[in-house]
């Protein structure tokens, strides 16, 4: 190798003997000229440090790192809230600088703004600082993962992208209400959550004095729920959760609660029903005189409540109903002025039930009375003129009707009564009127028939010339 180098050098020297070289062929400088390159970075303008905000329910800061590499994790947020101090940004340059923000792919965050400007850009004088404020959404639930970009205004390449994460739970539902229903059922209803995106539905929880138990196997979309697995007389407290879809499944905070006692016990049966303004025989009939305003007394048993609703139903060829509040314990309630005139005649059924607030219904008690509003026909009448003994009025009327005979002339007036037989015939001795042939004495009687229901016929007037 050395031999080759020496030969090469000798060859070059020999070549120089035959070549005329100029003075510019070589230079004494050994330095080569170079290009000027300036490097820049976001940290030349801003510093970033984690703020004082912590993840809900923990002491862990929501931000970690610095301006060159920062991560933001708000953790699980149980309801929409504002994080006012996620990180602090400071202008470390010698001139006023404007910082910009943009958040992408995280709809669970309603806004990300500089606190001092309430905007996505802020101008900071040299040495000045502000904080990042993030407000989470009241309408979008679920897991949000995206990027927060912090940049220098006026530059398209001076920025840093920071990871951003939040698990936003749905907003709690509106206050529930509960209503007792028959057989111990309890019906619940509540207001919708304000969360509309990534909402799977609602879960219902119940307690009877201890821990809460979830009643719904899966979240339901409906805003109502019927609890049928109850024990009569037990007080239950309910709360509702809104639940997110996707992974992870996130529960809202508790709704307000409502307490309801299951009621499966029906009121007791009425102990008696009495028609108190009946007419006719035994005051047991409804007739033309009282059918537009009958009165019924209903005796209620012990355990009755003033919140019970007592219902009277009158039925014959149609139905009329009336209601009355129950009594406080054993007592009597009166239905007055019940109009059954529009119902048919016949056997009138009077039935009573009691219904409590839960809708439980007592067994029915029923009595029957006769409704008869048709008056008998006017009776026929004839006069038998006897000498020195009682005269006689006789005729035909409705079978078994009560007959009323009234002498209106000559004075004084007087009244007589009898009862028609099963065939409708009647006869009654009346006043002794000693008439005379010339001129005879005019005798006047009025006759009516009244049936068992107390309906009275039209008047029959009998005028006779008494000669004996």
Protein backbone atom coordinates (compact mmCIF):
# COMPACT_ATOMS: atom_id res chain seq x y z
CA UNK A 1 0.00 0.00 0.00
CA UNK A 2 2.78 2.43 0.87
CA UNK A 3 4.45 1.60 -2.44
CA UNK A 4 1.31 2.61 -4.30
CA UNK A 5 1.03 5.95 -2.48
CA UNK A 6 4.65 6.82 -3.27
CA UNK A 7 4.21 5.91 -6.90
CA UNK A 8 1.04 8.07 -7.04
CA UNK A 9 2.85 11.06 -5.57
CA UNK A 10 5.79 10.67 -7.95
CA UNK A 11 3.42 10.48 -10.83
CA UNK A 12 1.66 13.70 -9.74
CA UNK A 13 5.00 15.53 -9.38
CA UNK A 14 6.05 14.35 -12.78
CA UNK A 15 2.81 15.59 -14.23
CA UNK A 16 3.42 19.03 -12.72
CA UNK A 17 6.58 19.33 -14.73
CA UNK A 18 4.51 19.33 -17.82
CA UNK A 19 1.60 21.55 -16.63
CA UNK A 20 1.62 25.32 -16.02
CA UNK A 21 -0.52 26.06 -12.95
CA UNK A 22 -2.13 29.48 -12.13
CA UNK A 23 -1.93 31.16 -8.71
CA UNK A 24 -5.70 30.64 -8.20
CA UNK A 25 -5.59 26.89 -8.36
CA UNK A 26 -5.19 26.56 -4.53
CA UNK A 27 -6.12 28.71 -1.54
CA UNK A 28 -4.73 28.99 1.86
CA UNK A 29 -8.22 28.86 3.63
CA UNK A 30 -9.38 25.59 5.03
CA UNK A 31 -12.96 26.81 6.16
CA UNK A 32 -16.03 26.07 4.03
CA UNK A 33 -18.99 28.56 4.01
CA UNK A 34 -22.24 27.22 5.76
CA UNK A 35 -26.12 27.82 5.87
CA UNK A 36 -27.83 29.56 8.93
CA UNK A 37 -30.64 27.37 10.62
CA UNK A 38 -32.92 28.72 13.43
CA UNK A 39 -34.94 26.18 15.61
CA UNK A 40 -38.19 27.18 17.48
CA UNK A 41 -40.70 25.49 19.83
CA UNK A 42 -43.91 26.31 21.74
CA UNK A 43 -41.99 26.28 25.00
CA UNK A 44 -40.14 29.38 23.81
CA UNK A 45 -43.42 31.25 24.26
CA UNK A 46 -45.52 29.49 26.89
CA UNK A 47 -45.13 27.28 29.89
CA UNK A 48 -47.90 24.94 31.04
CA UNK A 49 -48.35 23.45 34.50
CA UNK A 50 -51.14 21.24 35.94
CA UNK A 51 -53.94 23.14 37.62
CA UNK A 52 -55.69 22.60 40.95
CA UNK A 53 -58.71 20.71 39.60
CA UNK A 54 -58.97 17.05 40.61
CA UNK A 55 -61.01 14.16 39.30
CA UNK A 56 -64.43 13.92 41.03
CA UNK A 57 -64.25 11.87 44.20
CA UNK A 58 -60.44 11.72 44.18
CA UNK A 59 -57.40 13.85 44.95
CA UNK A 60 -55.79 13.12 41.56
CA UNK A 61 -55.10 16.16 39.40
CA UNK A 62 -56.92 16.17 36.06
CA UNK A 63 -53.78 17.29 34.22
CA UNK A 64 -50.21 15.95 34.20
CA UNK A 65 -47.08 17.02 32.30
CA UNK A 66 -45.83 20.27 30.80
CA UNK A 67 -46.09 22.34 27.65
CA UNK A 68 -44.19 19.79 25.58
CA UNK A 69 -46.29 16.83 26.71
CA UNK A 70 -49.50 17.12 28.68
CA UNK A 71 -52.37 14.70 29.33
CA UNK A 72 -55.83 15.69 30.57
CA UNK A 73 -58.11 13.12 32.20
CA UNK A 74 -61.22 14.47 33.95
CA UNK A 75 -62.08 10.99 35.23
CA UNK A 76 -65.70 9.95 35.74
CA UNK A 77 -67.92 13.01 35.98
CA UNK A 78 -71.24 12.17 37.70
CA UNK A 79 -73.05 15.21 36.34
CA UNK A 80 -72.26 18.24 34.20
CA UNK A 81 -69.81 20.55 35.91
CA UNK A 82 -67.17 23.21 35.30
CA UNK A 83 -63.47 22.56 35.85
CA UNK A 84 -62.08 26.10 36.17
CA UNK A 85 -58.39 25.30 36.68
CA UNK A 86 -57.36 22.36 34.50
CA UNK A 87 -53.90 23.78 33.75
CA UNK A 88 -52.16 27.15 33.96
CA UNK A 89 -50.55 28.70 30.88
CA UNK A 90 -47.94 31.48 31.25
CA UNK A 91 -46.33 33.70 28.61
CA UNK A 92 -42.58 33.14 29.07
CA UNK A 93 -41.50 35.32 26.14
CA UNK A 94 -40.61 38.99 26.28
CA UNK A 95 -43.56 40.18 24.21
CA UNK A 96 -47.35 39.83 24.25
CA UNK A 97 -48.38 36.50 22.78
CA UNK A 98 -51.78 35.04 21.84
CA UNK A 99 -52.54 31.40 22.65
CA UNK A 100 -55.28 29.39 20.95
CA UNK A 101 -57.25 26.27 21.86
CA UNK A 102 -59.17 23.69 19.88
CA UNK A 103 -60.80 20.51 21.23
CA UNK A 104 -61.66 17.69 18.85
CA UNK A 105 -63.66 14.45 19.10
CA UNK A 106 -64.97 14.99 22.66
CA UNK A 107 -68.70 15.92 22.53
CA UNK A 108 -68.88 15.11 26.26
CA UNK A 109 -67.05 18.39 26.84
CA UNK A 110 -69.37 21.28 26.09
CA UNK A 111 -66.56 23.83 26.05
CA UNK A 112 -62.80 24.30 26.62
CA UNK A 113 -61.94 27.98 27.11
CA UNK A 114 -59.32 30.22 28.61
CA UNK A 115 -60.73 31.39 31.92
CA UNK A 116 -59.64 35.03 31.64
CA UNK A 117 -61.17 35.54 28.18
CA UNK A 118 -63.98 32.95 28.20
CA UNK A 119 -62.79 32.24 24.68
CA UNK A 120 -60.63 29.82 22.71
CA UNK A 121 -57.94 32.49 22.37
CA UNK A 122 -56.28 34.76 24.88
CA UNK A 123 -53.62 37.47 24.59
CA UNK A 124 -51.09 37.34 27.41
CA UNK A 125 -48.57 40.04 28.19
CA UNK A 126 -45.06 38.92 29.00
CA UNK A 127 -45.18 37.00 32.28
CA UNK A 128 -49.01 36.93 32.40
CA UNK A 129 -50.96 33.71 32.84
CA UNK A 130 -54.47 32.25 32.80
CA UNK A 131 -56.10 28.87 33.34
CA UNK A 132 -57.98 26.41 31.14
CA UNK A 133 -61.68 26.07 31.99
CA UNK A 134 -63.61 22.99 30.82
CA UNK A 135 -67.38 22.51 31.12
CA UNK A 136 -68.78 19.04 30.59
CA UNK A 137 -72.02 18.35 28.76
CA UNK A 138 -75.52 18.00 30.26
CA UNK A 139 -76.82 16.39 27.06
CA UNK A 140 -74.06 13.98 25.95
CA UNK A 141 -73.00 11.02 28.10
CA UNK A 142 -70.44 8.25 27.70
CA UNK A 143 -66.71 8.02 27.14
CA UNK A 144 -65.01 10.91 25.35
CA UNK A 145 -61.44 10.61 24.07
CA UNK A 146 -59.84 13.18 21.82
CA UNK A 147 -57.22 15.90 21.48
CA UNK A 148 -56.81 19.39 22.90
CA UNK A 149 -54.51 21.52 20.73
CA UNK A 150 -52.65 24.46 22.29
CA UNK A 151 -51.05 26.76 19.73
CA UNK A 152 -49.42 30.13 19.09
CA UNK A 153 -51.65 32.44 17.12
CA UNK A 154 -50.24 33.38 13.74
CA UNK A 155 -48.26 30.18 13.35
CA UNK A 156 -49.57 27.07 11.64
CA UNK A 157 -46.91 24.78 13.07
CA UNK A 158 -46.17 26.03 16.58
CA UNK A 159 -48.61 23.92 18.60
CA UNK A 160 -48.85 20.88 20.85
CA UNK A 161 -51.59 18.22 20.91
CA UNK A 162 -52.58 16.93 24.34
CA UNK A 163 -54.60 13.79 25.03
CA UNK A 164 -58.02 14.52 26.53
CA UNK A 165 -60.33 12.02 28.27
CA UNK A 166 -63.60 12.16 30.22
CA UNK A 167 -66.33 9.67 31.22
CA UNK A 168 -69.51 11.74 31.48
CA UNK A 169 -72.46 10.18 33.35
CA UNK A 170 -76.02 11.11 32.33
CA UNK A 171 -77.84 13.81 34.21
CA UNK A 172 -80.13 12.60 36.99
CA UNK A 173 -83.82 12.14 36.07
CA UNK A 174 -86.55 14.45 37.29
CA UNK A 175 -88.25 13.91 40.65
CA UNK A 176 -90.30 10.69 40.77
CA UNK A 177 -93.91 10.47 41.94
CA UNK A 178 -95.64 7.38 43.29
CA UNK A 179 -99.31 6.41 43.37
CA UNK A 180 -100.99 3.58 45.25
CA UNK A 181 -102.91 1.19 43.03
CA UNK A 182 -105.13 -1.84 43.72
CA UNK A 183 -103.69 -5.11 45.03
CA UNK A 184 -100.63 -3.32 46.42
CA UNK A 185 -99.31 -2.12 43.07
CA UNK A 186 -97.32 1.14 43.12
CA UNK A 187 -97.08 3.20 39.93
CA UNK A 188 -94.04 5.44 39.50
CA UNK A 189 -93.38 8.26 37.04
CA UNK A 190 -90.47 10.69 36.67
CA UNK A 191 -89.11 13.45 34.46
CA UNK A 192 -86.65 12.73 31.66
CA UNK A 193 -82.92 13.32 32.05
CA UNK A 194 -81.54 16.24 30.06
CA UNK A 195 -79.05 13.76 28.56
CA UNK A 196 -80.19 12.78 25.08
CA UNK A 197 -77.05 11.31 23.48
CA UNK A 198 -75.69 7.92 24.61
CA UNK A 199 -78.59 7.42 27.03
CA UNK A 200 -79.54 3.74 27.47
CA UNK A 201 -82.52 4.43 29.73
CA UNK A 202 -83.46 4.34 33.40
CA UNK A 203 -83.05 1.98 36.34
CA UNK A 204 -85.46 1.90 39.28
CA UNK A 205 -84.21 1.29 42.82
CA UNK A 206 -86.30 0.46 45.90
CA UNK A 207 -85.72 0.35 49.62
CA UNK A 208 -87.98 -0.74 52.45
CA UNK A 209 -85.74 0.69 55.13
CA UNK A 210 -82.39 -0.91 54.27
CA UNK A 211 -80.17 -0.95 51.22
CA UNK A 212 -81.61 -0.15 47.81
CA UNK A 213 -82.32 -2.97 45.37
CA UNK A 214 -82.42 -2.48 41.61
CA UNK A 215 -85.81 -3.53 40.23
CA UNK A 216 -85.06 -3.22 36.51
CA UNK A 217 -83.04 -6.01 34.90
CA UNK A 218 -81.93 -3.66 32.12
CA UNK A 219 -82.36 0.09 31.67
CA UNK A 220 -85.81 0.93 30.34
CA UNK A 221 -86.72 3.72 27.96
CA UNK A 222 -90.10 4.46 29.58
CA UNK A 223 -90.56 7.18 32.18
CA UNK A 224 -92.95 5.02 34.21
CA UNK A 225 -92.69 1.79 36.19
CA UNK A 226 -95.24 -0.39 38.01
CA UNK A 227 -94.02 -2.21 41.10
CA UNK A 228 -96.21 -5.25 41.72
CA UNK A 229 -93.84 -7.19 43.99
CA UNK A 230 -94.95 -5.46 47.17
CA UNK A 231 -96.16 -6.47 50.63
CA UNK A 232 -99.39 -4.94 51.87
CA UNK A 233 -98.80 -2.16 54.38
CA UNK A 234 -95.07 -1.85 53.67
CA UNK A 235 -93.59 1.60 53.05
CA UNK A 236 -91.21 1.73 50.09
CA UNK A 237 -88.80 4.46 49.01
CA UNK A 238 -87.84 4.75 45.35
CA UNK A 239 -85.08 6.52 43.42
CA UNK A 240 -84.24 6.56 39.71
CA UNK A 241 -80.92 6.48 37.84
CA UNK A 242 -80.27 7.46 34.24
CA UNK A 243 -77.82 5.04 32.60
CA UNK A 244 -75.45 5.60 29.68
CA UNK A 245 -75.04 3.32 26.69
CA UNK A 246 -71.68 2.01 25.50
CA UNK A 247 -68.66 1.10 27.61
CA UNK A 248 -68.21 1.84 30.40
CA UNK A 249 -71.82 1.94 31.62
CA UNK A 250 -72.21 5.10 33.68
CA UNK A 251 -74.94 5.81 36.22
CA UNK A 252 -76.28 9.25 37.00
CA UNK A 253 -76.53 10.63 40.47
CA UNK A 254 -79.63 9.61 42.41
CA UNK A 255 -82.89 11.32 41.60
CA UNK A 256 -84.82 12.68 44.51
CA UNK A 257 -86.80 9.98 46.30
CA UNK A 258 -90.47 9.26 46.81
CA UNK A 259 -92.02 7.08 49.50
CA UNK A 260 -95.27 5.14 49.04
CA UNK A 261 -97.00 2.53 51.19
CA UNK A 262 -98.38 -0.52 49.40
CA UNK A 263 -102.12 -1.00 49.95
CA UNK A 264 -103.74 -4.30 49.04
CA UNK A 265 -106.53 -4.22 51.65
CA UNK A 266 -110.00 -3.33 50.43
CA UNK A 267 -112.41 -1.34 52.61
CA UNK A 268 -114.99 -3.32 54.57
CA UNK A 269 -118.43 -4.04 53.16
CA UNK A 270 -121.26 -1.69 54.14
CA UNK A 271 -123.19 -3.15 57.07
CA UNK A 272 -126.63 -1.90 56.03
CA UNK A 273 -128.55 0.15 53.47
CA UNK A 274 -131.81 1.85 54.41
CA UNK A 275 -134.33 3.81 52.35
CA UNK A 276 -135.08 6.57 54.84
CA UNK A 277 -137.89 8.41 53.02
CA UNK A 278 -139.78 5.46 51.62
CA UNK A 279 -143.47 5.76 50.85
CA UNK A 280 -146.47 3.47 50.89
CA UNK A 281 -146.97 0.41 53.04
CA UNK A 282 -144.16 0.03 55.55
CA UNK A 283 -142.49 3.15 54.14
CA UNK A 284 -140.73 0.77 51.80
CA UNK A 285 -141.66 2.02 48.34
CA UNK A 286 -140.39 4.52 45.81
CA UNK A 287 -143.40 6.15 44.21
CA UNK A 288 -144.34 9.15 42.13
CA UNK A 289 -144.07 11.39 45.16
CA UNK A 290 -140.49 10.63 46.20
CA UNK A 291 -138.81 9.15 43.09
CA UNK A 292 -137.11 12.43 42.22
CA UNK A 293 -135.48 12.71 45.66
CA UNK A 294 -134.98 9.50 47.59
CA UNK A 295 -132.74 9.35 50.66
CA UNK A 296 -130.57 6.35 51.59
CA UNK A 297 -128.58 5.80 54.77
CA UNK A 298 -125.49 3.57 54.46
CA UNK A 299 -123.85 2.19 57.59
CA UNK A 300 -120.08 1.61 57.24
CA UNK A 301 -117.89 -0.72 59.31
CA UNK A 302 -114.92 -0.03 61.54
CA UNK A 303 -111.83 0.71 59.50
CA UNK A 304 -113.63 3.01 57.11
CA UNK A 305 -111.78 6.17 56.15
CA UNK A 306 -112.93 9.61 55.13
CA UNK A 307 -110.69 9.23 52.08
CA UNK A 308 -112.74 6.24 50.91
CA UNK A 309 -115.29 6.87 48.19
CA UNK A 310 -118.66 5.26 48.85
CA UNK A 311 -120.68 4.69 45.69
CA UNK A 312 -124.41 4.07 45.59
CA UNK A 313 -125.85 2.55 42.43
CA UNK A 314 -129.62 2.41 41.82
CA UNK A 315 -130.65 0.07 39.01
CA UNK A 316 -133.95 -0.81 37.36
CA UNK A 317 -134.14 -0.53 33.59
CA UNK A 318 -131.19 1.87 33.82
CA UNK A 319 -128.64 3.11 36.34
CA UNK A 320 -128.17 6.13 38.57
CA UNK A 321 -125.04 6.56 40.70
CA UNK A 322 -124.05 8.87 43.53
CA UNK A 323 -120.91 9.10 45.64
CA UNK A 324 -120.09 10.19 49.16
CA UNK A 325 -116.95 10.38 51.29
CA UNK A 326 -116.54 7.57 53.76
CA UNK A 327 -116.76 7.85 57.52
CA UNK A 328 -113.95 7.96 60.06
CA UNK A 329 -114.37 4.45 61.36
CA UNK A 330 -117.81 2.93 61.86
CA UNK A 331 -120.51 5.42 60.96
CA UNK A 332 -123.36 6.30 58.64
CA UNK A 333 -123.28 8.35 55.46
CA UNK A 334 -126.47 9.68 53.90
CA UNK A 335 -127.27 9.99 50.23
CA UNK A 336 -129.98 12.62 49.90
CA UNK A 337 -131.86 13.84 46.88
CA UNK A 338 -131.07 10.86 44.63
CA UNK A 339 -133.24 11.20 41.53
CA UNK A 340 -134.46 7.86 40.16
CA UNK A 341 -137.52 9.23 38.40
CA UNK A 342 -135.95 8.46 35.03
CA UNK A 343 -135.61 4.75 35.82
CA UNK A 344 -138.28 2.17 35.12
CA UNK A 345 -140.74 0.79 37.61
CA UNK A 346 -140.14 -2.59 39.18
CA UNK A 347 -137.60 -4.01 41.62
CA UNK A 348 -135.15 -1.20 42.34
CA UNK A 349 -131.70 -2.48 43.32
CA UNK A 350 -129.69 -0.28 45.69
CA UNK A 351 -126.02 -1.37 45.78
CA UNK A 352 -123.08 0.10 47.70
CA UNK A 353 -119.30 -0.34 47.34
CA UNK A 354 -116.40 1.54 48.95
CA UNK A 355 -113.14 2.31 47.11
CA UNK A 356 -109.98 3.41 48.90
CA UNK A 357 -107.26 5.74 47.62
CA UNK A 358 -105.35 2.83 46.12
CA UNK A 359 -108.39 1.70 44.15
CA UNK A 360 -109.12 -1.39 46.25
CA UNK A 361 -112.86 -2.08 46.16
CA UNK A 362 -114.99 -3.56 48.92
CA UNK A 363 -117.46 -6.36 48.37
CA UNK A 364 -120.90 -5.10 47.38
CA UNK A 365 -123.96 -4.88 49.61
CA UNK A 366 -127.35 -4.72 47.92
CA UNK A 367 -130.99 -4.29 48.98
CA UNK A 368 -134.06 -4.11 46.79
CA UNK A 369 -137.14 -1.96 47.06
CA UNK A 370 -140.15 -1.65 44.81
CA UNK A 371 -140.45 1.35 42.55
CA UNK A 372 -144.03 1.98 41.51
CA UNK A 373 -144.95 5.40 40.19
CA UNK A 374 -148.18 4.45 38.38
CA UNK A 375 -151.31 5.63 40.17
CA UNK A 376 -154.37 3.36 40.25
CA UNK A 377 -157.25 4.17 37.93
CA UNK A 378 -160.05 6.29 39.35
CA UNK A 379 -162.43 3.94 41.17
CA UNK A 380 -166.02 3.40 40.14
CA UNK A 381 -168.65 4.29 42.74
CA UNK A 382 -172.36 3.88 43.39
CA UNK A 383 -174.54 5.08 46.24
CA UNK A 384 -177.06 3.00 48.15
CA UNK A 385 -179.74 5.11 49.85
CA UNK A 386 -180.93 3.45 53.05
CA UNK A 387 -183.71 4.61 55.35
CA UNK A 388 -182.63 5.58 58.84
CA UNK A 389 -179.41 3.56 58.59
CA UNK A 390 -176.05 4.28 57.08
CA UNK A 391 -176.00 4.71 53.37
CA UNK A 392 -173.39 2.78 51.37
CA UNK A 393 -170.80 3.73 48.77
CA UNK A 394 -169.48 0.76 46.76
CA UNK A 395 -167.60 0.13 43.57
CA UNK A 396 -164.47 -1.27 41.98
CA UNK A 397 -160.84 -0.14 42.20
CA UNK A 398 -157.32 -1.55 41.94
CA UNK A 399 -157.04 -4.79 43.85
CA UNK A 400 -156.08 -4.30 47.49
CA UNK A 401 -156.08 -0.53 47.11
CA UNK A 402 -156.92 1.67 50.06
CA UNK A 403 -160.21 3.46 49.39
CA UNK A 404 -160.87 6.93 50.77
CA UNK A 405 -164.46 8.23 50.69
CA UNK A 406 -165.18 11.83 51.72
CA UNK A 407 -168.64 13.36 52.10
CA UNK A 408 -168.49 16.95 50.99
CA UNK A 409 -172.23 17.70 51.02
CA UNK A 410 -174.41 18.14 52.88
CA UNK A 411 -172.40 19.66 55.67
CA UNK A 412 -170.68 18.70 57.81
CA UNK A 413 -168.07 16.85 55.78
CA UNK A 414 -166.87 13.46 56.95
CA UNK A 415 -164.48 10.80 55.77
CA UNK A 416 -164.59 7.02 55.50
CA UNK A 417 -162.13 4.40 54.39
CA UNK A 418 -161.90 0.77 53.41
CA UNK A 419 -159.74 -1.56 51.37
CA UNK A 420 -160.58 -3.16 48.09
CA UNK A 421 -160.44 -6.93 48.06
CA UNK A 422 -158.21 -9.04 45.86
CA UNK A 423 -160.70 -8.64 43.03
CA UNK A 424 -160.84 -4.88 43.49
CA UNK A 425 -164.36 -4.66 44.96
CA UNK A 426 -165.04 -2.38 47.87
CA UNK A 427 -168.00 -1.25 49.95
CA UNK A 428 -168.13 1.20 52.81
CA UNK A 429 -170.93 2.42 55.06
CA UNK A 430 -171.14 6.19 55.04
CA UNK A 431 -173.24 8.82 56.79
CA UNK A 432 -176.91 8.41 57.57
CA UNK A 433 -178.73 10.92 55.44
CA UNK A 434 -182.45 11.03 55.94
CA UNK A 435 -183.56 12.36 52.65
CA UNK A 436 -187.09 13.21 51.55
CA UNK A 437 -188.99 12.69 48.36
CA UNK A 438 -189.81 16.28 47.73
CA UNK A 439 -187.46 17.85 47.33
CA UNK A 440 -184.72 15.15 47.77
CA UNK A 441 -181.41 16.00 49.52
CA UNK A 442 -178.34 16.17 47.25
CA UNK A 443 -175.46 14.12 48.62
CA UNK A 444 -171.88 14.43 47.27
CA UNK A 445 -168.97 12.07 47.89
CA UNK A 446 -165.40 12.03 46.50
CA UNK A 447 -163.64 8.70 46.21
CA UNK A 448 -159.94 7.90 45.61
CA UNK A 449 -157.90 4.71 45.56
CA UNK A 450 -154.33 4.53 46.88
CA UNK A 451 -152.08 1.56 46.01
CA UNK A 452 -149.53 -0.10 48.29
CA UNK A 453 -146.76 2.16 46.98
CA UNK A 454 -148.73 5.23 48.07
CA UNK A 455 -149.77 6.44 44.62
CA UNK A 456 -153.28 7.96 44.67
CA UNK A 457 -155.77 7.80 41.85
CA UNK A 458 -157.72 10.60 40.30
CA UNK A 459 -160.85 11.63 42.20
CA UNK A 460 -164.21 10.10 41.43
CA UNK A 461 -167.12 12.38 42.38
CA UNK A 462 -170.42 10.77 43.27
CA UNK A 463 -173.57 12.91 43.46
CA UNK A 464 -176.82 11.30 44.60
CA UNK A 465 -180.34 12.58 45.40
CA UNK A 466 -181.19 11.04 48.77
CA UNK A 467 -184.91 10.49 49.26
CA UNK A 468 -185.04 8.11 52.23
